[in-house]
Amino acid sequence: MRMRIRIKCISAKLCKAIAESLEPDNLCAPPTIKVRSNAKGNVTTTSITCRGNLETFIATIDDLLLCMDAACKTLEVVESERRA
């Protein structure tokens, strides 16, 4: 099973930070899961490949989306406060 998640950010810098914030998840994934994230321009792309069961695949995607959302919101707040 494979899935690709793409999110568009307000800046390339933010996209890179989000991709880097997911790196610990990529390193700690079970052996049946491969997660790769990269940033190009203002788009972060994360690819997930799973050789396990569907429940594991869904749980991984859910966890990744929550982490991406948290990173994005946190970094946007930090950026907006820095500008103020």
N, C-alpha and C. Protein backbone atom coordinates (compact mmCIF):
# COMPACT_ATOMS: atom_id res chain seq x y z
N MET A 1 0.85 -1.16 0.00
CA MET A 1 0.00 0.00 0.00
C MET A 1 0.89 1.23 0.00
N ARG A 2 0.47 2.23 -0.73
CA ARG A 2 1.23 3.48 -0.81
C ARG A 2 0.30 4.68 -0.77
N MET A 3 0.85 5.76 -0.21
CA MET A 3 0.11 7.02 -0.20
C MET A 3 1.12 8.16 -0.25
N ARG A 4 0.72 9.21 -0.91
CA ARG A 4 1.52 10.42 -0.97
C ARG A 4 0.66 11.57 -0.46
N ILE A 5 1.21 12.30 0.50
CA ILE A 5 0.51 13.45 1.08
C ILE A 5 1.29 14.70 0.69
N ARG A 6 0.59 15.66 0.13
CA ARG A 6 1.21 16.94 -0.23
C ARG A 6 0.48 18.05 0.48
N ILE A 7 1.28 18.92 1.11
CA ILE A 7 0.67 20.10 1.72
C ILE A 7 1.40 21.34 1.21
N LYS A 8 0.62 22.35 0.93
CA LYS A 8 1.17 23.62 0.45
C LYS A 8 1.25 24.56 1.63
N CYS A 9 2.41 25.18 1.79
CA CYS A 9 2.65 26.08 2.92
C CYS A 9 2.77 27.52 2.43
N ILE A 10 2.86 28.41 3.40
CA ILE A 10 2.96 29.82 3.05
C ILE A 10 4.35 30.21 2.58
N SER A 11 5.34 29.35 2.88
CA SER A 11 6.71 29.66 2.45
C SER A 11 7.53 28.38 2.30
N ALA A 12 8.59 28.47 1.51
CA ALA A 12 9.50 27.34 1.35
C ALA A 12 10.20 27.03 2.67
N LYS A 13 10.50 28.05 3.44
CA LYS A 13 11.16 27.87 4.73
C LYS A 13 10.27 27.05 5.68
N LEU A 14 8.99 27.35 5.69
CA LEU A 14 8.05 26.61 6.53
C LEU A 14 7.94 25.16 6.07
N CYS A 15 7.90 24.95 4.77
CA CYS A 15 7.82 23.58 4.23
C CYS A 15 9.03 22.76 4.63
N LYS A 16 10.19 23.35 4.53
CA LYS A 16 11.41 22.64 4.91
C LYS A 16 11.39 22.29 6.40
N ALA A 17 10.95 23.22 7.22
CA ALA A 17 10.87 22.98 8.66
C ALA A 17 9.88 21.85 8.98
N ILE A 18 8.76 21.79 8.27
CA ILE A 18 7.78 20.73 8.50
C ILE A 18 8.36 19.37 8.10
N ALA A 19 9.00 19.31 6.94
CA ALA A 19 9.63 18.06 6.49
C ALA A 19 10.67 17.60 7.50
N GLU A 20 11.47 18.52 8.02
CA GLU A 20 12.49 18.18 9.00
C GLU A 20 11.87 17.76 10.34
N SER A 21 10.74 18.35 10.68
CA SER A 21 10.10 17.99 11.95
C SER A 21 9.54 16.57 11.92
N LEU A 22 9.31 16.03 10.74
CA LEU A 22 8.80 14.66 10.61
C LEU A 22 9.91 13.62 10.62
N GLU A 23 11.15 14.06 10.55
CA GLU A 23 12.27 13.13 10.46
C GLU A 23 12.31 12.11 11.61
N PRO A 24 12.08 12.51 12.87
CA PRO A 24 12.08 11.49 13.94
C PRO A 24 11.04 10.38 13.70
N ASP A 25 9.87 10.75 13.15
CA ASP A 25 8.86 9.73 12.83
C ASP A 25 9.37 8.80 11.74
N ASN A 26 10.08 9.35 10.77
CA ASN A 26 10.61 8.54 9.69
C ASN A 26 11.62 7.52 10.22
N LEU A 27 12.46 7.94 11.16
CA LEU A 27 13.51 7.07 11.69
C LEU A 27 12.96 5.99 12.62
N CYS A 28 11.84 6.27 13.29
CA CYS A 28 11.28 5.33 14.27
C CYS A 28 10.18 4.45 13.71
N ALA A 29 9.93 4.50 12.43
CA ALA A 29 8.85 3.70 11.84
C ALA A 29 9.18 2.22 11.93
N PRO A 30 8.17 1.37 12.08
CA PRO A 30 8.41 -0.07 12.10
C PRO A 30 9.00 -0.53 10.77
N PRO A 31 9.64 -1.71 10.74
CA PRO A 31 10.29 -2.17 9.51
C PRO A 31 9.35 -2.35 8.31
N THR A 32 8.07 -2.54 8.57
CA THR A 32 7.11 -2.72 7.46
C THR A 32 6.62 -1.40 6.89
N ILE A 33 7.03 -0.29 7.51
CA ILE A 33 6.59 1.05 7.08
C ILE A 33 7.81 1.85 6.63
N LYS A 34 7.68 2.50 5.48
CA LYS A 34 8.71 3.43 5.03
C LYS A 34 8.05 4.78 4.83
N VAL A 35 8.64 5.80 5.46
CA VAL A 35 8.11 7.16 5.37
C VAL A 35 9.23 8.06 4.90
N ARG A 36 8.97 8.83 3.86
CA ARG A 36 9.94 9.78 3.32
C ARG A 36 9.25 11.13 3.16
N SER A 37 9.91 12.17 3.65
CA SER A 37 9.38 13.53 3.52
C SER A 37 10.43 14.42 2.89
N ASN A 38 9.97 15.30 2.03
CA ASN A 38 10.88 16.30 1.47
C ASN A 38 10.09 17.56 1.15
N ALA A 39 10.83 18.63 1.04
CA ALA A 39 10.22 19.92 0.72
C ALA A 39 10.82 20.43 -0.58
N LYS A 40 9.95 20.92 -1.42
CA LYS A 40 10.39 21.54 -2.68
C LYS A 40 9.53 22.77 -2.89
N GLY A 41 10.19 23.91 -2.85
CA GLY A 41 9.43 25.16 -2.93
C GLY A 41 8.54 25.28 -1.71
N ASN A 42 7.28 25.60 -1.94
CA ASN A 42 6.37 25.74 -0.81
C ASN A 42 5.44 24.52 -0.66
N VAL A 43 5.93 23.34 -1.08
CA VAL A 43 5.16 22.10 -0.95
C VAL A 43 5.99 21.05 -0.21
N THR A 44 5.39 20.48 0.82
CA THR A 44 6.00 19.35 1.52
C THR A 44 5.30 18.09 1.05
N THR A 45 6.08 17.10 0.62
CA THR A 45 5.53 15.83 0.15
C THR A 45 6.02 14.72 1.06
N THR A 46 5.09 13.92 1.54
CA THR A 46 5.43 12.77 2.37
C THR A 46 4.86 11.53 1.69
N SER A 47 5.72 10.54 1.49
CA SER A 47 5.32 9.27 0.88
C SER A 47 5.38 8.18 1.94
N ILE A 48 4.32 7.38 2.01
CA ILE A 48 4.24 6.29 2.96
C ILE A 48 4.05 5.00 2.18
N THR A 49 4.86 4.00 2.51
CA THR A 49 4.73 2.67 1.93
C THR A 49 4.59 1.69 3.08
N CYS A 50 3.62 0.80 2.98
CA CYS A 50 3.37 -0.16 4.06
C CYS A 50 3.27 -1.57 3.49
N ARG A 51 4.04 -2.49 4.08
CA ARG A 51 3.95 -3.90 3.73
C ARG A 51 3.17 -4.66 4.79
N GLY A 52 2.64 -3.94 5.77
CA GLY A 52 1.90 -4.56 6.86
C GLY A 52 0.40 -4.58 6.57
N ASN A 53 -0.37 -4.60 7.64
CA ASN A 53 -1.82 -4.67 7.48
C ASN A 53 -2.43 -3.28 7.31
N LEU A 54 -3.67 -3.24 6.92
CA LEU A 54 -4.37 -2.00 6.65
C LEU A 54 -4.48 -1.12 7.89
N GLU A 55 -4.71 -1.72 9.04
CA GLU A 55 -4.85 -0.96 10.27
C GLU A 55 -3.56 -0.19 10.59
N THR A 56 -2.42 -0.83 10.39
CA THR A 56 -1.13 -0.18 10.61
C THR A 56 -0.95 0.99 9.66
N PHE A 57 -1.31 0.77 8.41
CA PHE A 57 -1.21 1.80 7.38
C PHE A 57 -2.07 3.01 7.74
N ILE A 58 -3.30 2.77 8.12
CA ILE A 58 -4.22 3.85 8.49
C ILE A 58 -3.72 4.58 9.73
N ALA A 59 -3.24 3.84 10.73
CA ALA A 59 -2.74 4.46 11.95
C ALA A 59 -1.51 5.33 11.66
N THR A 60 -0.65 4.87 10.76
CA THR A 60 0.53 5.64 10.38
C THR A 60 0.14 6.93 9.69
N ILE A 61 -0.80 6.85 8.77
CA ILE A 61 -1.26 8.05 8.05
C ILE A 61 -1.90 9.03 9.03
N ASP A 62 -2.73 8.52 9.93
CA ASP A 62 -3.38 9.38 10.92
C ASP A 62 -2.34 10.08 11.79
N ASP A 63 -1.37 9.34 12.28
CA ASP A 63 -0.32 9.91 13.11
C ASP A 63 0.47 10.97 12.35
N LEU A 64 0.80 10.66 11.11
CA LEU A 64 1.57 11.61 10.30
C LEU A 64 0.80 12.90 10.04
N LEU A 65 -0.48 12.78 9.74
CA LEU A 65 -1.30 13.97 9.51
C LEU A 65 -1.40 14.83 10.77
N LEU A 66 -1.55 14.19 11.92
CA LEU A 66 -1.59 14.94 13.18
C LEU A 66 -0.27 15.65 13.43
N CYS A 67 0.84 14.96 13.18
CA CYS A 67 2.16 15.58 13.37
C CYS A 67 2.38 16.74 12.40
N MET A 68 1.97 16.56 11.15
CA MET A 68 2.11 17.63 10.16
C MET A 68 1.28 18.84 10.56
N ASP A 69 0.07 18.59 11.00
CA ASP A 69 -0.82 19.69 11.40
C ASP A 69 -0.24 20.43 12.61
N ALA A 70 0.23 19.69 13.60
CA ALA A 70 0.81 20.32 14.79
C ALA A 70 2.05 21.14 14.43
N ALA A 71 2.92 20.57 13.60
CA ALA A 71 4.13 21.29 13.19
C ALA A 71 3.78 22.55 12.42
N CYS A 72 2.84 22.44 11.51
CA CYS A 72 2.45 23.59 10.68
C CYS A 72 1.87 24.70 11.55
N LYS A 73 0.96 24.36 12.43
CA LYS A 73 0.34 25.37 13.29
C LYS A 73 1.37 26.02 14.22
N THR A 74 2.23 25.21 14.79
CA THR A 74 3.26 25.74 15.70
C THR A 74 4.19 26.69 14.96
N LEU A 75 4.67 26.26 13.81
CA LEU A 75 5.61 27.08 13.05
C LEU A 75 4.96 28.36 12.53
N GLU A 76 3.69 28.29 12.16
CA GLU A 76 3.00 29.50 11.71
C GLU A 76 2.86 30.51 12.85
N VAL A 77 2.58 30.04 14.08
CA VAL A 77 2.47 30.93 15.23
C VAL A 77 3.82 31.56 15.53
N VAL A 78 4.87 30.74 15.52
CA VAL A 78 6.22 31.25 15.77
C VAL A 78 6.57 32.32 14.73
N GLU A 79 6.30 32.04 13.48
CA GLU A 79 6.61 32.98 12.40
C GLU A 79 5.83 34.28 12.55
N SER A 80 4.53 34.18 12.87
CA SER A 80 3.73 35.39 13.00
C SER A 80 4.15 36.22 14.22
N GLU A 81 4.56 35.56 15.30
CA GLU A 81 5.04 36.29 16.47
C GLU A 81 6.39 36.94 16.21
N ARG A 82 7.20 36.30 15.41
CA ARG A 82 8.49 36.87 15.07
C ARG A 82 8.32 38.16 14.26
N ARG A 83 7.29 38.19 13.42
CA ARG A 83 7.04 39.37 12.58
C ARG A 83 6.46 40.52 13.39
N ALA A 84 5.79 40.19 14.50
CA ALA A 84 5.11 41.23 15.30
C ALA A 84 6.08 42.06 16.11
